[in-house]
Amino acid sequence: MANDPKPRLRMHIVPCSCGKSFAVSEEFDGKGSSWSRYLICPECGKRHDPKNRLLELGYQAEGFWNVEKC
């Protein structure tokens, strides 16, 4: 196990048109009905489908976050 690479540090973000972005877990919409998967923006109340708006950020060895998937 000493040769196993370290797991990458990742963050999943949902951006909103009001300017607020909020984080969710990677498995957020893996369970539940289609209505329960929608996220409500804490700033403006707009509903977001994480399947359409989820950004995956990965921490780079150089010391910064970078968008890996969107």
Protein backbone atom coordinates (compact mmCIF):
# COMPACT_ATOMS: atom_id res chain seq x y z
CA MET A 1 0.00 0.00 0.00
CA ALA A 2 2.99 2.32 0.34
CA ASN A 3 3.10 2.67 -3.46
CA ASP A 4 -0.59 3.63 -3.77
CA PRO A 5 -1.05 7.20 -4.97
CA LYS A 6 -2.79 9.57 -2.59
CA PRO A 7 -6.46 10.14 -3.38
CA ARG A 8 -7.01 13.41 -5.16
CA LEU A 9 -8.67 16.18 -3.22
CA ARG A 10 -11.84 17.18 -5.10
CA MET A 11 -14.73 19.56 -4.55
CA HIS A 12 -18.12 19.64 -6.32
CA ILE A 13 -19.65 23.09 -6.82
CA VAL A 14 -23.03 24.28 -8.13
CA PRO A 15 -22.79 27.86 -9.49
CA CYS A 16 -25.90 30.08 -9.60
CA SER A 17 -26.67 33.03 -11.87
CA CYS A 18 -27.02 35.27 -8.77
CA GLY A 19 -23.28 34.89 -8.15
CA LYS A 20 -23.46 32.45 -5.23
CA SER A 21 -21.78 29.03 -5.55
CA PHE A 22 -22.31 26.18 -3.11
CA ALA A 23 -20.67 22.80 -2.54
CA VAL A 24 -22.33 19.38 -2.66
CA SER A 25 -21.08 15.85 -2.09
CA GLU A 26 -20.02 13.71 -5.05
CA GLU A 27 -22.90 11.26 -4.51
CA PHE A 28 -25.53 13.95 -3.91
CA ASP A 29 -28.08 12.89 -6.53
CA GLY A 30 -27.32 9.17 -6.56
CA LYS A 31 -30.46 8.44 -4.56
CA GLY A 32 -33.90 9.94 -4.23
CA SER A 33 -36.62 11.06 -6.57
CA SER A 34 -36.20 13.56 -9.36
CA TRP A 35 -37.82 16.28 -7.22
CA SER A 36 -35.57 15.73 -4.22
CA ARG A 37 -32.35 16.01 -6.22
CA TYR A 38 -32.87 19.72 -6.98
CA LEU A 39 -30.75 22.08 -4.92
CA ILE A 40 -32.08 25.44 -3.77
CA CYS A 41 -29.65 28.34 -3.91
CA PRO A 42 -29.14 29.74 -0.40
CA GLU A 43 -28.97 33.29 -1.80
CA CYS A 44 -31.87 33.64 -4.28
CA GLY A 45 -33.92 30.42 -3.91
CA LYS A 46 -33.46 29.29 -7.53
CA ARG A 47 -33.62 25.49 -8.00
CA HIS A 48 -30.66 23.72 -9.66
CA ASP A 49 -30.32 20.24 -11.10
CA PRO A 50 -26.79 19.09 -10.13
CA LYS A 51 -26.67 16.80 -13.17
CA ASN A 52 -26.67 19.91 -15.38
CA ARG A 53 -24.70 22.41 -13.30
CA LEU A 54 -22.16 20.44 -11.27
CA LEU A 55 -18.53 21.56 -11.57
CA GLU A 56 -15.78 19.27 -10.32
CA LEU A 57 -12.72 21.06 -8.97
CA GLY A 58 -9.47 19.23 -8.29
CA TYR A 59 -6.63 20.47 -6.11
CA GLN A 60 -3.44 20.70 -8.16
CA ALA A 61 0.05 19.87 -6.87
CA GLU A 62 1.08 23.46 -7.70
CA GLY A 63 -1.24 24.69 -4.92
CA PHE A 64 -4.42 25.83 -6.70
CA TRP A 65 -7.91 24.54 -7.58
CA ASN A 66 -8.73 23.81 -11.23
CA VAL A 67 -11.99 22.84 -12.97
CA GLU A 68 -11.65 19.21 -14.07
CA LYS A 69 -15.20 18.43 -15.24
CA CYS A 70 -18.30 20.46 -15.91
